[in-house]
Amino acid sequence: MKRFFKPNLYELSIFDIDLEKLKELGIKGFIFDVDNTIVPYDTPLPDEKIKNWFKKIEEMGFVSYIASNNSKGRVEHFASELNIGFMPKAKKPLTKNLKQISENMGILPAETAMVGDQLFTDMLGGNMAGMFTILIEQISPVEGKFIKFKRIFEKLILPKRRRKKGKIC
C-alpha cells in the first residue's frame, strides 16, 4: 500500500524538473496541481517566470493540464493565464478524472507525469492511475487546517530524510 504514496521523483520546485530526462523516459505530458505546487495558495495568477516555464514545456513538445481539487473560478482563471486545459474539483486521488485528462491530452496515463505537493491526493491519484509521479516540496506553510492535518501523516509515510532531490525512486 505504501508504494501508492511513493513518488517516482522528488524535486524542490517545478523549475527543478529535468524535462530532458523525462522525455527520455517517455513522458509526453504533465498534469499539475496548482496550490503549493506551482504557486502559494494566496497567489491568484502565475507570474512571468511560471508563464515562461510553461512556454518552455510546450516548446519541448510536452502537453500540460491543471487538475485541482479547488473551485472552478480559481482553477479556470489560473489556467487561462497559461493557455492550458484544466479540471477544477478533480476529486484527486480518484483516478477517473486523471485518466480522462490524459485522454484529453491525447496520451496514455503511462506517458503522463502527475506533479503535486501532496501524497494523499497527487501522488496517490497519479500512482493509482498508472502515471509517473513527481512530488514537489510545498511552496508555503500557509494552507488549510485539513491539509496541515494530512501533512502529519505524510511525514510518517515519506519522511523528509528519505526525499532526495532529483532522485528517481
C-alpha atoms as a PDB file:
ATOM      1  CA  MET A   1       0.000   0.000   0.000  1.00  0.00           C
ATOM      2  CA  LYS A   2       2.852   2.377   0.826  1.00  0.00           C
ATOM      3  CA  ARG A   3       4.047   2.191  -2.783  1.00  0.00           C
ATOM      4  CA  PHE A   4       0.928   4.086  -3.901  1.00  0.00           C
ATOM      5  CA  PHE A   5       2.090   7.089  -1.896  1.00  0.00           C
ATOM      6  CA  LYS A   6       5.714   6.973  -3.028  1.00  0.00           C
ATOM      7  CA  PRO A   7       6.620   9.383  -5.836  1.00  0.00           C
ATOM      8  CA  ASN A   8       8.782   8.303  -8.744  1.00  0.00           C
ATOM      9  CA  LEU A   9      10.735  11.547  -8.453  1.00  0.00           C
ATOM     10  CA  TYR A  10      11.195  14.251  -5.847  1.00  0.00           C
ATOM     11  CA  GLU A  11      12.081  17.865  -6.670  1.00  0.00           C
ATOM     12  CA  LEU A  12      12.188  21.080  -4.669  1.00  0.00           C
ATOM     13  CA  SER A  13      10.139  23.003  -7.244  1.00  0.00           C
ATOM     14  CA  ILE A  14       8.690  22.654 -10.718  1.00  0.00           C
ATOM     15  CA  PHE A  15      11.709  24.566 -12.024  1.00  0.00           C
ATOM     16  CA  ASP A  16      13.996  21.723 -10.925  1.00  0.00           C
ATOM     17  CA  ILE A  17      12.250  19.114 -13.078  1.00  0.00           C
ATOM     18  CA  ASP A  18      14.663  17.707 -15.643  1.00  0.00           C
ATOM     19  CA  LEU A  19      12.477  17.823 -18.735  1.00  0.00           C
ATOM     20  CA  GLU A  20      15.059  16.109 -20.952  1.00  0.00           C
ATOM     21  CA  LYS A  21      15.286  13.167 -18.548  1.00  0.00           C
ATOM     22  CA  LEU A  22      11.516  12.795 -18.509  1.00  0.00           C
ATOM     23  CA  LYS A  23      11.358  12.947 -22.291  1.00  0.00           C
ATOM     24  CA  GLU A  24      13.897  10.092 -22.389  1.00  0.00           C
ATOM     25  CA  LEU A  25      11.641   8.134 -20.017  1.00  0.00           C
ATOM     26  CA  GLY A  26       8.735   8.504 -22.457  1.00  0.00           C
ATOM     27  CA  ILE A  27       6.810  11.231 -20.654  1.00  0.00           C
ATOM     28  CA  LYS A  28       4.752  13.320 -23.099  1.00  0.00           C
ATOM     29  CA  GLY A  29       2.587  15.400 -20.803  1.00  0.00           C
ATOM     30  CA  PHE A  30       2.086  16.818 -17.343  1.00  0.00           C
ATOM     31  CA  ILE A  31      -0.842  17.177 -15.011  1.00  0.00           C
ATOM     32  CA  PHE A  32      -0.093  19.860 -12.436  1.00  0.00           C
ATOM     33  CA  ASP A  33      -1.703  20.688  -9.147  1.00  0.00           C
ATOM     34  CA  VAL A  34      -1.813  24.467  -8.583  1.00  0.00           C
ATOM     35  CA  ASP A  35      -1.841  25.387  -4.909  1.00  0.00           C
ATOM     36  CA  ASN A  36       1.501  24.964  -3.184  1.00  0.00           C
ATOM     37  CA  THR A  37       2.872  23.181  -6.269  1.00  0.00           C
ATOM     38  CA  ILE A  38       3.059  25.987  -8.835  1.00  0.00           C
ATOM     39  CA  VAL A  39       2.205  28.937  -6.571  1.00  0.00           C
ATOM     40  CA  PRO A  40       1.289  29.521  -2.904  1.00  0.00           C
ATOM     41  CA  TYR A  41      -2.415  29.277  -2.010  1.00  0.00           C
ATOM     42  CA  ASP A  42      -2.849  33.033  -1.886  1.00  0.00           C
ATOM     43  CA  THR A  43      -1.350  33.726  -5.330  1.00  0.00           C
ATOM     44  CA  PRO A  44      -4.189  34.125  -7.835  1.00  0.00           C
ATOM     45  CA  LEU A  45      -2.182  34.177 -11.087  1.00  0.00           C
ATOM     46  CA  PRO A  46       1.096  32.847 -12.477  1.00  0.00           C
ATOM     47  CA  ASP A  47       3.973  35.300 -12.748  1.00  0.00           C
ATOM     48  CA  GLU A  48       6.236  35.717 -15.803  1.00  0.00           C
ATOM     49  CA  LYS A  49       8.718  33.096 -14.587  1.00  0.00           C
ATOM     50  CA  ILE A  50       5.957  30.496 -14.418  1.00  0.00           C
ATOM     51  CA  LYS A  51       4.494  31.557 -17.776  1.00  0.00           C
ATOM     52  CA  ASN A  52       7.920  31.250 -19.400  1.00  0.00           C
ATOM     53  CA  TRP A  53       8.467  27.810 -17.856  1.00  0.00           C
ATOM     54  CA  PHE A  54       5.151  26.578 -19.263  1.00  0.00           C
ATOM     55  CA  LYS A  55       6.094  28.004 -22.683  1.00  0.00           C
ATOM     56  CA  LYS A  56       9.340  26.004 -22.454  1.00  0.00           C
ATOM     57  CA  ILE A  57       7.374  22.832 -21.728  1.00  0.00           C
ATOM     58  CA  GLU A  58       5.193  23.439 -24.773  1.00  0.00           C
ATOM     59  CA  GLU A  59       8.207  24.229 -26.995  1.00  0.00           C
ATOM     60  CA  MET A  60       9.749  20.912 -25.945  1.00  0.00           C
ATOM     61  CA  GLY A  61       6.663  19.110 -27.198  1.00  0.00           C
ATOM     62  CA  PHE A  62       5.000  18.354 -23.861  1.00  0.00           C
ATOM     63  CA  VAL A  63       1.321  18.967 -23.216  1.00  0.00           C
ATOM     64  CA  SER A  64       0.170  20.365 -19.883  1.00  0.00           C
ATOM     65  CA  TYR A  65      -3.042  20.386 -17.908  1.00  0.00           C
ATOM     66  CA  ILE A  66      -4.071  21.562 -14.460  1.00  0.00           C
ATOM     67  CA  ALA A  67      -6.041  19.306 -12.137  1.00  0.00           C
ATOM     68  CA  SER A  68      -7.018  20.833  -8.841  1.00  0.00           C
ATOM     69  CA  ASN A  69      -9.495  19.983  -6.129  1.00  0.00           C
ATOM     70  CA  ASN A  70     -10.080  23.733  -5.850  1.00  0.00           C
ATOM     71  CA  SER A  71     -13.032  25.695  -7.266  1.00  0.00           C
ATOM     72  CA  LYS A  72     -13.694  26.373 -10.942  1.00  0.00           C
ATOM     73  CA  GLY A  73     -13.121  30.114 -10.572  1.00  0.00           C
ATOM     74  CA  ARG A  74      -9.683  29.671  -9.037  1.00  0.00           C
ATOM     75  CA  VAL A  75      -8.502  26.994 -11.480  1.00  0.00           C
ATOM     76  CA  GLU A  76     -10.013  28.442 -14.657  1.00  0.00           C
ATOM     77  CA  HIS A  77      -8.574  31.902 -14.004  1.00  0.00           C
ATOM     78  CA  PHE A  78      -5.097  30.471 -13.337  1.00  0.00           C
ATOM     79  CA  ALA A  79      -5.059  28.025 -16.281  1.00  0.00           C
ATOM     80  CA  SER A  80      -6.323  30.638 -18.734  1.00  0.00           C
ATOM     81  CA  GLU A  81      -3.228  32.728 -17.993  1.00  0.00           C
ATOM     82  CA  LEU A  82      -1.105  29.744 -19.071  1.00  0.00           C
ATOM     83  CA  ASN A  83      -3.368  28.882 -22.003  1.00  0.00           C
ATOM     84  CA  ILE A  84      -3.663  25.238 -20.928  1.00  0.00           C
ATOM     85  CA  GLY A  85      -6.511  22.867 -20.155  1.00  0.00           C
ATOM     86  CA  PHE A  86      -7.847  22.499 -16.659  1.00  0.00           C
ATOM     87  CA  MET A  87     -10.133  20.475 -14.442  1.00  0.00           C
ATOM     88  CA  PRO A  88     -11.413  22.024 -11.210  1.00  0.00           C
ATOM     89  CA  LYS A  89     -12.837  19.863  -8.436  1.00  0.00           C
ATOM     90  CA  ALA A  90     -10.817  16.988  -9.900  1.00  0.00           C
ATOM     91  CA  LYS A  91     -11.590  14.733  -6.925  1.00  0.00           C
ATOM     92  CA  LYS A  92      -7.984  13.612  -6.542  1.00  0.00           C
ATOM     93  CA  PRO A  93      -6.976  10.927  -5.562  1.00  0.00           C
ATOM     94  CA  LEU A  94      -9.794   9.305  -7.553  1.00  0.00           C
ATOM     95  CA  THR A  95      -8.366   8.193 -10.868  1.00  0.00           C
ATOM     96  CA  LYS A  96     -11.303   8.655 -13.254  1.00  0.00           C
ATOM     97  CA  ASN A  97     -10.656  12.348 -13.890  1.00  0.00           C
ATOM     98  CA  LEU A  98      -6.866  11.946 -14.050  1.00  0.00           C
ATOM     99  CA  LYS A  99      -7.238   9.265 -16.719  1.00  0.00           C
ATOM    100  CA  GLN A 100      -9.745  11.481 -18.547  1.00  0.00           C
ATOM    101  CA  ILE A 101      -7.209  14.318 -18.574  1.00  0.00           C
ATOM    102  CA  SER A 102      -4.576  12.044 -20.141  1.00  0.00           C
ATOM    103  CA  GLU A 103      -7.107  11.106 -22.794  1.00  0.00           C
ATOM    104  CA  ASN A 104      -7.933  14.793 -23.347  1.00  0.00           C
ATOM    105  CA  MET A 105      -4.214  15.447 -23.884  1.00  0.00           C
ATOM    106  CA  GLY A 106      -4.046  12.581 -26.390  1.00  0.00           C
ATOM    107  CA  ILE A 107      -1.593  10.495 -24.375  1.00  0.00           C
ATOM    108  CA  LEU A 108      -1.673   7.405 -22.179  1.00  0.00           C
ATOM    109  CA  PRO A 109      -1.540   7.585 -18.371  1.00  0.00           C
ATOM    110  CA  ALA A 110       1.890   5.876 -18.554  1.00  0.00           C
ATOM    111  CA  GLU A 111       3.102   8.819 -20.675  1.00  0.00           C
ATOM    112  CA  THR A 112       1.803  11.337 -18.144  1.00  0.00           C
ATOM    113  CA  ALA A 113       3.598  12.860 -15.151  1.00  0.00           C
ATOM    114  CA  MET A 114       1.418  13.900 -12.210  1.00  0.00           C
ATOM    115  CA  VAL A 115       3.100  16.815 -10.415  1.00  0.00           C
ATOM    116  CA  GLY A 116       1.974  17.901  -6.973  1.00  0.00           C
ATOM    117  CA  ASP A 117       2.868  18.621  -3.364  1.00  0.00           C
ATOM    118  CA  GLN A 118       0.607  16.161  -1.527  1.00  0.00           C
ATOM    119  CA  LEU A 119       0.939  12.419  -1.026  1.00  0.00           C
ATOM    120  CA  PHE A 120      -2.743  11.723  -0.295  1.00  0.00           C
ATOM    121  CA  THR A 121      -4.099  13.462  -3.387  1.00  0.00           C
ATOM    122  CA  ASP A 122      -1.477  13.985  -6.094  1.00  0.00           C
ATOM    123  CA  MET A 123       0.875  11.042  -5.561  1.00  0.00           C
ATOM    124  CA  LEU A 124      -1.809   8.530  -4.599  1.00  0.00           C
ATOM    125  CA  GLY A 125      -4.041   9.525  -7.505  1.00  0.00           C
ATOM    126  CA  GLY A 126      -1.218   9.586 -10.039  1.00  0.00           C
ATOM    127  CA  ASN A 127       0.210   6.263  -8.905  1.00  0.00           C
ATOM    128  CA  MET A 128      -3.170   4.530  -8.927  1.00  0.00           C
ATOM    129  CA  ALA A 129      -3.810   5.918 -12.432  1.00  0.00           C
ATOM    130  CA  GLY A 130      -0.509   4.420 -13.654  1.00  0.00           C
ATOM    131  CA  MET A 131       1.260   7.754 -14.080  1.00  0.00           C
ATOM    132  CA  PHE A 132       4.818   8.857 -13.361  1.00  0.00           C
ATOM    133  CA  THR A 133       4.598  10.907 -10.159  1.00  0.00           C
ATOM    134  CA  ILE A 134       6.689  13.907  -9.160  1.00  0.00           C
ATOM    135  CA  LEU A 135       6.465  15.218  -5.617  1.00  0.00           C
ATOM    136  CA  ILE A 136       7.249  18.909  -5.250  1.00  0.00           C
ATOM    137  CA  GLU A 137       8.191  20.421  -1.906  1.00  0.00           C
ATOM    138  CA  GLN A 138       5.302  22.558  -0.716  1.00  0.00           C
ATOM    139  CA  ILE A 139       5.972  26.213  -1.538  1.00  0.00           C
ATOM    140  CA  SER A 140       4.438  27.791   1.542  1.00  0.00           C
ATOM    141  CA  PRO A 141       3.499  26.607   5.024  1.00  0.00           C
ATOM    142  CA  VAL A 142       0.234  28.541   4.642  1.00  0.00           C
ATOM    143  CA  GLU A 143      -2.542  26.043   3.933  1.00  0.00           C
ATOM    144  CA  GLY A 144      -5.897  24.916   5.256  1.00  0.00           C
ATOM    145  CA  LYS A 145      -6.321  23.070   8.542  1.00  0.00           C
ATOM    146  CA  PHE A 146      -7.295  19.798   6.874  1.00  0.00           C
ATOM    147  CA  ILE A 147      -4.200  19.816   4.676  1.00  0.00           C
ATOM    148  CA  LYS A 148      -1.998  20.630   7.676  1.00  0.00           C
ATOM    149  CA  PHE A 149      -3.571  17.642   9.441  1.00  0.00           C
ATOM    150  CA  LYS A 150      -2.794  15.381   6.442  1.00  0.00           C
ATOM    151  CA  ARG A 151       0.824  16.605   6.428  1.00  0.00           C
ATOM    152  CA  ILE A 152       1.328  14.887   9.806  1.00  0.00           C
ATOM    153  CA  PHE A 153       0.588  11.532   8.189  1.00  0.00           C
ATOM    154  CA  GLU A 154       2.620  12.352   5.077  1.00  0.00           C
ATOM    155  CA  LYS A 155       5.707  12.662   7.268  1.00  0.00           C
ATOM    156  CA  LEU A 156       5.084   9.183   8.630  1.00  0.00           C
ATOM    157  CA  ILE A 157       4.788   7.705   5.139  1.00  0.00           C
ATOM    158  CA  LEU A 158       7.621   9.574   3.439  1.00  0.00           C
ATOM    159  CA  PRO A 159       9.975  11.235   5.909  1.00  0.00           C
ATOM    160  CA  LYS A 160      11.948  14.216   4.574  1.00  0.00           C
ATOM    161  CA  ARG A 161      15.252  12.444   5.106  1.00  0.00           C
ATOM    162  CA  ARG A 162      14.174   9.870   2.510  1.00  0.00           C
ATOM    163  CA  ARG A 163      13.341  12.531  -0.080  1.00  0.00           C
ATOM    164  CA  LYS A 164      16.314  13.180  -2.305  1.00  0.00           C
ATOM    165  CA  LYS A 165      16.148  15.965  -4.861  1.00  0.00           C
ATOM    166  CA  GLY A 166      16.276  14.736  -8.423  1.00  0.00           C
ATOM    167  CA  LYS A 167      16.208  11.114  -7.366  1.00  0.00           C
ATOM    168  CA  ILE A 168      14.124   8.705  -9.305  1.00  0.00           C
ATOM    169  CA  CYS A 169      12.801   6.493  -6.533  1.00  0.00           C
END
